[in-house]
């Protein structure tokens, strides 16, 4: 069961990353910047780069970033609570 859960979890995380990168690209960000920012927001690391200003100055990007930051925190809590 643990292996199935982990595989499913990583598939969901991968899907969230790809959808979020696509959405940020649609708002005008370059692919590399969008991917780095999405992973930064999900993991809570590296978000204080100069490029983060381009995220907080755009209404759609900031809503997406709030979702990703919360999703990252909640998904970490799920992983911790599942591993008993």
C-alpha atoms as a PDB file:
ATOM      1  CA  UNK A   1       0.000   0.000   0.000  1.00  0.00           C
ATOM      2  CA  UNK A   2       2.840   2.419   0.804  1.00  0.00           C
ATOM      3  CA  UNK A   3       4.377   1.970  -2.650  1.00  0.00           C
ATOM      4  CA  UNK A   4       1.046   2.589  -4.381  1.00  0.00           C
ATOM      5  CA  UNK A   5       0.482   5.712  -2.290  1.00  0.00           C
ATOM      6  CA  UNK A   6       3.948   7.086  -3.040  1.00  0.00           C
ATOM      7  CA  UNK A   7       3.613   6.459  -6.772  1.00  0.00           C
ATOM      8  CA  UNK A   8       0.195   8.116  -6.791  1.00  0.00           C
ATOM      9  CA  UNK A   9       1.552  11.032  -4.745  1.00  0.00           C
ATOM     10  CA  UNK A  10       4.453  11.630  -7.143  1.00  0.00           C
ATOM     11  CA  UNK A  11       2.124  11.417 -10.145  1.00  0.00           C
ATOM     12  CA  UNK A  12      -0.139  14.058  -8.597  1.00  0.00           C
ATOM     13  CA  UNK A  13       2.835  16.298  -7.762  1.00  0.00           C
ATOM     14  CA  UNK A  14       4.157  15.924 -11.314  1.00  0.00           C
ATOM     15  CA  UNK A  15       0.749  16.793 -12.730  1.00  0.00           C
ATOM     16  CA  UNK A  16       0.427  19.851 -10.475  1.00  0.00           C
ATOM     17  CA  UNK A  17       3.893  21.010 -11.554  1.00  0.00           C
ATOM     18  CA  UNK A  18       3.169  20.641 -15.271  1.00  0.00           C
ATOM     19  CA  UNK A  19      -0.241  22.333 -15.077  1.00  0.00           C
ATOM     20  CA  UNK A  20       1.163  25.182 -13.001  1.00  0.00           C
ATOM     21  CA  UNK A  21       4.119  25.711 -15.343  1.00  0.00           C
ATOM     22  CA  UNK A  22       1.726  25.838 -18.283  1.00  0.00           C
ATOM     23  CA  UNK A  23      -0.508  28.358 -16.531  1.00  0.00           C
ATOM     24  CA  UNK A  24       2.449  30.585 -15.637  1.00  0.00           C
ATOM     25  CA  UNK A  25       3.715  30.371 -19.220  1.00  0.00           C
ATOM     26  CA  UNK A  26       0.286  31.504 -20.420  1.00  0.00           C
ATOM     27  CA  UNK A  27       0.707  34.627 -18.280  1.00  0.00           C
ATOM     28  CA  UNK A  28       3.949  35.454 -20.071  1.00  0.00           C
ATOM     29  CA  UNK A  29       6.739  33.840 -18.054  1.00  0.00           C
ATOM     30  CA  UNK A  30       9.531  31.920 -19.751  1.00  0.00           C
ATOM     31  CA  UNK A  31       9.480  28.143 -19.314  1.00  0.00           C
ATOM     32  CA  UNK A  32      12.642  27.983 -17.197  1.00  0.00           C
ATOM     33  CA  UNK A  33      11.495  30.785 -14.893  1.00  0.00           C
ATOM     34  CA  UNK A  34       8.022  29.284 -14.559  1.00  0.00           C
ATOM     35  CA  UNK A  35       9.360  25.806 -13.727  1.00  0.00           C
ATOM     36  CA  UNK A  36      11.829  27.137 -11.157  1.00  0.00           C
ATOM     37  CA  UNK A  37       9.191  29.285  -9.480  1.00  0.00           C
ATOM     38  CA  UNK A  38       6.649  26.433  -9.343  1.00  0.00           C
ATOM     39  CA  UNK A  39       9.125  24.048  -7.741  1.00  0.00           C
ATOM     40  CA  UNK A  40      10.282  26.803  -5.386  1.00  0.00           C
ATOM     41  CA  UNK A  41       6.734  27.500  -4.262  1.00  0.00           C
ATOM     42  CA  UNK A  42       5.876  23.821  -3.780  1.00  0.00           C
ATOM     43  CA  UNK A  43       8.983  23.128  -1.715  1.00  0.00           C
ATOM     44  CA  UNK A  44       9.149  26.462   0.092  1.00  0.00           C
ATOM     45  CA  UNK A  45      12.714  27.067  -1.045  1.00  0.00           C
ATOM     46  CA  UNK A  46      14.337  29.594  -3.358  1.00  0.00           C
ATOM     47  CA  UNK A  47      11.252  31.757  -3.783  1.00  0.00           C
ATOM     48  CA  UNK A  48      13.097  34.921  -2.757  1.00  0.00           C
ATOM     49  CA  UNK A  49      14.835  35.347  -6.097  1.00  0.00           C
ATOM     50  CA  UNK A  50      14.622  38.485  -8.227  1.00  0.00           C
ATOM     51  CA  UNK A  51      12.154  36.666 -10.457  1.00  0.00           C
ATOM     52  CA  UNK A  52       9.685  36.305  -7.591  1.00  0.00           C
ATOM     53  CA  UNK A  53       8.809  39.983  -8.086  1.00  0.00           C
ATOM     54  CA  UNK A  54       7.295  39.024 -11.447  1.00  0.00           C
ATOM     55  CA  UNK A  55       5.021  36.614  -9.557  1.00  0.00           C
ATOM     56  CA  UNK A  56       3.721  38.980  -6.895  1.00  0.00           C
ATOM     57  CA  UNK A  57       3.119  41.830  -9.356  1.00  0.00           C
ATOM     58  CA  UNK A  58       0.572  39.850 -11.410  1.00  0.00           C
ATOM     59  CA  UNK A  59      -2.932  39.024 -10.078  1.00  0.00           C
ATOM     60  CA  UNK A  60      -3.243  35.577 -11.695  1.00  0.00           C
ATOM     61  CA  UNK A  61       0.298  34.549 -10.809  1.00  0.00           C
ATOM     62  CA  UNK A  62      -0.133  35.503  -7.158  1.00  0.00           C
ATOM     63  CA  UNK A  63      -3.300  33.415  -6.852  1.00  0.00           C
ATOM     64  CA  UNK A  64      -1.524  30.462  -8.418  1.00  0.00           C
ATOM     65  CA  UNK A  65       1.443  30.966  -6.109  1.00  0.00           C
ATOM     66  CA  UNK A  66      -0.802  31.010  -3.031  1.00  0.00           C
ATOM     67  CA  UNK A  67      -2.324  27.712  -4.145  1.00  0.00           C
ATOM     68  CA  UNK A  68       1.097  26.150  -4.755  1.00  0.00           C
ATOM     69  CA  UNK A  69       2.532  27.265  -1.431  1.00  0.00           C
ATOM     70  CA  UNK A  70      -0.474  25.880   0.457  1.00  0.00           C
ATOM     71  CA  UNK A  71      -0.561  22.706  -1.639  1.00  0.00           C
ATOM     72  CA  UNK A  72       3.115  22.100  -0.915  1.00  0.00           C
ATOM     73  CA  UNK A  73       2.638  22.541   2.829  1.00  0.00           C
ATOM     74  CA  UNK A  74      -0.478  20.380   2.969  1.00  0.00           C
ATOM     75  CA  UNK A  75       0.996  17.636   0.812  1.00  0.00           C
ATOM     76  CA  UNK A  76       4.029  17.484   3.100  1.00  0.00           C
ATOM     77  CA  UNK A  77       1.663  17.098   6.053  1.00  0.00           C
ATOM     78  CA  UNK A  78      -0.129  14.261   4.249  1.00  0.00           C
ATOM     79  CA  UNK A  79       3.156  12.458   3.589  1.00  0.00           C
ATOM     80  CA  UNK A  80       4.229  12.824   7.216  1.00  0.00           C
ATOM     81  CA  UNK A  81       0.887  11.650   8.574  1.00  0.00           C
ATOM     82  CA  UNK A  82       0.651   8.722   6.148  1.00  0.00           C
ATOM     83  CA  UNK A  83       4.062   7.340   7.119  1.00  0.00           C
ATOM     84  CA  UNK A  84       3.169   5.799  10.474  1.00  0.00           C
END
